[in-house]
Amino acid sequence: DSRVIVEYLDGLSPVGKLIPPSGRERVEVKTWEALADGVLDASILARLEATWPHRSAEQRSQAWIDRQMSKVDLALASMAKGLADKSYCTGSHFTLADVAVGCALGYLDFRFPDLDWRAAHPNLGQLLSKLSERSSFAASRPDAG
């Protein structure tokens, strides 16, 4: 599980922590991580329903896809509201929250290129643009390799 792995790896280094050790800051990072995971879970379910090759078009449920994408929309709205005028998800420094949100937004761009989430949430688009400039994000883009 990614959450367990990142928690373990973050604990190995005495510097450059992505997860605060305790308190309100830790809860905030974990809340952002959960929101991003929710976007990914719902969008993956919608994508699978729309593209799974073992089901015919008649067997696919547009209502199910719409329901999952409405979860994505609600989570994006919550993220946009939480980001407000901050530089990063939890304030002024890069954390696991930004990694999680950046991955979720990048997945939406990759698998749902027609979804214009930036129009409704320009601050999330600005965050993703800033994150995409980081070498770690640039090197892990689907088209980077």
Protein backbone atom coordinates (compact mmCIF):
# COMPACT_ATOMS: atom_id res chain seq x y z
CA ASP A 1 0.00 0.00 0.00
CA SER A 2 1.39 3.38 -1.03
CA ARG A 3 0.48 5.03 2.27
CA VAL A 4 2.46 2.48 4.26
CA ILE A 5 5.45 2.66 1.89
CA VAL A 6 5.67 6.44 1.93
CA GLU A 7 5.31 6.49 5.72
CA TYR A 8 8.19 4.02 6.01
CA LEU A 9 10.43 5.85 3.54
CA ASP A 10 9.73 9.23 5.12
CA GLY A 11 10.85 7.81 8.46
CA LEU A 12 14.22 6.70 7.08
CA SER A 13 15.52 10.21 6.45
CA PRO A 14 16.31 12.62 9.27
CA VAL A 15 15.81 15.57 6.88
CA GLY A 16 13.39 16.57 4.15
CA LYS A 17 10.28 15.16 5.78
CA LEU A 18 7.15 15.02 3.63
CA ILE A 19 4.93 14.07 6.59
CA PRO A 20 4.95 16.13 9.78
CA PRO A 21 5.60 13.99 12.87
CA SER A 22 2.40 14.87 14.76
CA GLY A 23 -0.33 17.38 15.44
CA ARG A 24 -2.55 19.48 13.25
CA GLU A 25 -0.04 19.69 10.38
CA ARG A 26 0.15 15.91 10.15
CA VAL A 27 -3.64 15.62 10.11
CA GLU A 28 -3.84 18.25 7.38
CA VAL A 29 -1.30 16.40 5.20
CA LYS A 30 -3.13 13.11 5.72
CA THR A 31 -6.49 14.75 4.90
CA TRP A 32 -5.13 16.03 1.59
CA GLU A 33 -3.67 12.59 0.90
CA ALA A 34 -7.09 11.00 1.52
CA LEU A 35 -8.82 13.51 -0.78
CA ALA A 36 -6.31 12.81 -3.56
CA ASP A 37 -6.70 9.05 -3.06
CA GLY A 38 -10.46 9.51 -3.32
CA VAL A 39 -10.06 11.31 -6.66
CA LEU A 40 -7.89 8.48 -7.90
CA ASP A 41 -10.20 5.73 -6.62
CA ALA A 42 -13.30 7.25 -8.20
CA SER A 43 -11.63 8.17 -11.48
CA ILE A 44 -10.07 4.73 -11.84
CA LEU A 45 -13.47 3.11 -11.25
CA ALA A 46 -15.03 5.37 -13.88
CA ARG A 47 -12.25 4.60 -16.36
CA LEU A 48 -12.52 0.85 -15.78
CA GLU A 49 -16.27 0.93 -16.29
CA ALA A 50 -15.84 2.86 -19.53
CA THR A 51 -12.99 0.81 -20.99
CA TRP A 52 -12.97 -2.69 -19.52
CA PRO A 53 -12.71 -4.99 -22.55
CA HIS A 54 -14.68 -7.86 -20.98
CA ARG A 55 -17.94 -5.90 -21.04
CA SER A 56 -19.91 -4.85 -24.02
CA ALA A 57 -21.11 -1.28 -24.47
CA GLU A 58 -24.59 -2.41 -23.41
CA GLN A 59 -23.24 -3.81 -20.14
CA ARG A 60 -21.48 -0.60 -19.18
CA SER A 61 -23.27 1.75 -16.83
CA GLN A 62 -23.11 5.45 -17.64
CA ALA A 63 -24.91 6.10 -14.35
CA TRP A 64 -22.04 4.40 -12.49
CA ILE A 65 -19.46 6.45 -14.42
CA ASP A 66 -21.38 9.67 -13.72
CA ARG A 67 -21.62 8.80 -10.03
CA GLN A 68 -17.87 8.25 -9.77
CA MET A 69 -17.08 11.42 -11.68
CA SER A 70 -19.38 13.40 -9.40
CA LYS A 71 -17.19 12.20 -6.51
CA VAL A 72 -14.18 13.50 -8.43
CA ASP A 73 -15.90 16.86 -8.94
CA LEU A 74 -16.76 17.17 -5.24
CA ALA A 75 -13.23 16.29 -4.16
CA LEU A 76 -11.72 18.77 -6.63
CA ALA A 77 -14.02 21.50 -5.30
CA SER A 78 -12.96 20.69 -1.76
CA MET A 79 -9.29 20.74 -2.73
CA ALA A 80 -9.66 24.05 -4.57
CA LYS A 81 -11.36 25.58 -1.55
CA GLY A 82 -8.69 24.24 0.80
CA LEU A 83 -5.89 25.50 -1.41
CA ALA A 84 -7.33 29.06 -1.41
CA ASP A 85 -4.35 31.43 -1.56
CA LYS A 86 -1.71 28.97 -0.39
CA SER A 87 1.48 28.20 -2.29
CA TYR A 88 1.18 24.49 -1.48
CA CYS A 89 -1.61 22.31 -0.12
CA THR A 90 -0.70 22.85 3.51
CA GLY A 91 0.80 26.31 3.28
CA SER A 92 4.20 27.48 2.20
CA HIS A 93 6.18 24.23 1.91
CA PHE A 94 6.07 21.05 -0.17
CA THR A 95 4.67 17.95 1.59
CA LEU A 96 3.18 14.56 0.84
CA ALA A 97 -0.13 16.39 0.33
CA ASP A 98 1.31 18.01 -2.79
CA VAL A 99 2.69 14.71 -4.08
CA ALA A 100 -0.70 13.04 -3.66
CA VAL A 101 -2.69 15.91 -5.19
CA GLY A 102 -0.20 16.29 -8.04
CA CYS A 103 -0.47 12.59 -8.87
CA ALA A 104 -4.27 12.69 -8.80
CA LEU A 105 -4.45 15.75 -11.05
CA GLY A 106 -1.85 14.30 -13.39
CA TYR A 107 -3.88 11.10 -13.65
CA LEU A 108 -6.97 13.10 -14.60
CA ASP A 109 -4.99 14.81 -17.34
CA PHE A 110 -3.62 11.48 -18.57
CA ARG A 111 -6.80 9.39 -18.54
CA PHE A 112 -9.47 12.10 -18.90
CA PRO A 113 -7.90 14.64 -21.28
CA ASP A 114 -11.34 16.07 -22.16
CA LEU A 115 -12.18 16.80 -18.52
CA ASP A 116 -11.69 20.55 -18.14
CA TRP A 117 -11.16 20.61 -14.37
CA ARG A 118 -8.84 23.64 -14.63
CA ALA A 119 -11.68 25.92 -15.74
CA ALA A 120 -13.57 25.37 -12.50
CA HIS A 121 -10.45 25.16 -10.31
CA PRO A 122 -7.68 27.37 -11.72
CA ASN A 123 -5.74 27.32 -8.45
CA LEU A 124 -5.39 23.53 -8.73
CA GLY A 125 -4.15 24.00 -12.29
CA GLN A 126 -1.56 26.48 -11.04
CA LEU A 127 -0.46 24.03 -8.36
CA LEU A 128 -0.07 21.23 -10.90
CA SER A 129 1.92 23.52 -13.21
CA LYS A 130 4.27 24.40 -10.36
CA LEU A 131 4.63 20.76 -9.31
CA SER A 132 5.23 19.67 -12.91
CA GLU A 133 8.36 21.83 -12.96
CA ARG A 134 9.94 19.69 -10.23
CA SER A 135 12.36 17.13 -11.64
CA SER A 136 10.67 14.31 -9.70
CA PHE A 137 7.33 15.07 -11.34
CA ALA A 138 8.80 15.67 -14.79
CA ALA A 139 10.71 12.37 -14.70
CA SER A 140 7.63 10.38 -13.74
CA ARG A 141 5.28 11.70 -16.44
CA PRO A 142 3.82 8.89 -18.58
CA ASP A 143 5.47 10.37 -21.67
CA ALA A 144 8.85 10.95 -19.96
CA GLY A 145 10.32 7.53 -20.60
